[in-house]
Amino acid sequence: QLQFVESGGGLFQPGGSTRLSCLGSGSDLEYYDVCWFRQTPGKAREGVSCISRSGKSTWYTGSTRGRFAISRDNFKSTVFLQMNSLNPEDTGLYYCAADGPFSGAEYPMSPPDPYKYASWGQGTQVTVSS
């Protein structure tokens, strides 16, 4: 069964950068679409960015487009989220999760339904504050 461990969170100043990592184990990551989600107190868990199993298709929520970049290395079973120009609204507990396994044709990534995703990690906290 696919399991994830997230890392890369911490305390950052506005305008700073970090790269989150999501290390998968237990199953071949290449058959799964993977998304990063963010949880903040009092709000529903929201999708931040997603990447298809080959990496050819990506999706970003509007507030992160142009600042964040998702990528993956299937050989290393890792999905990354490069976060630039951080602002306080990026603060939250970031999780990765997967949908699959899939085979055959890929489809463009779209806003994710968290209930379709599984293998949630424990999350990594990102706090942006001066």
Foldseek 3Di string as FASTA:
>chain_A
DKAWDKDWADEAEQQAKIKMKIAIDDDQQLQWKKWKWFDDPPDDIFTAKIAHSVRPAMDGPPVQPPAWDWGDDRVRRMIMIIGGRDDQVPWGWMKMWIADRDDDDDDHDDTDDVVRTDNIYPTHTHGYDD
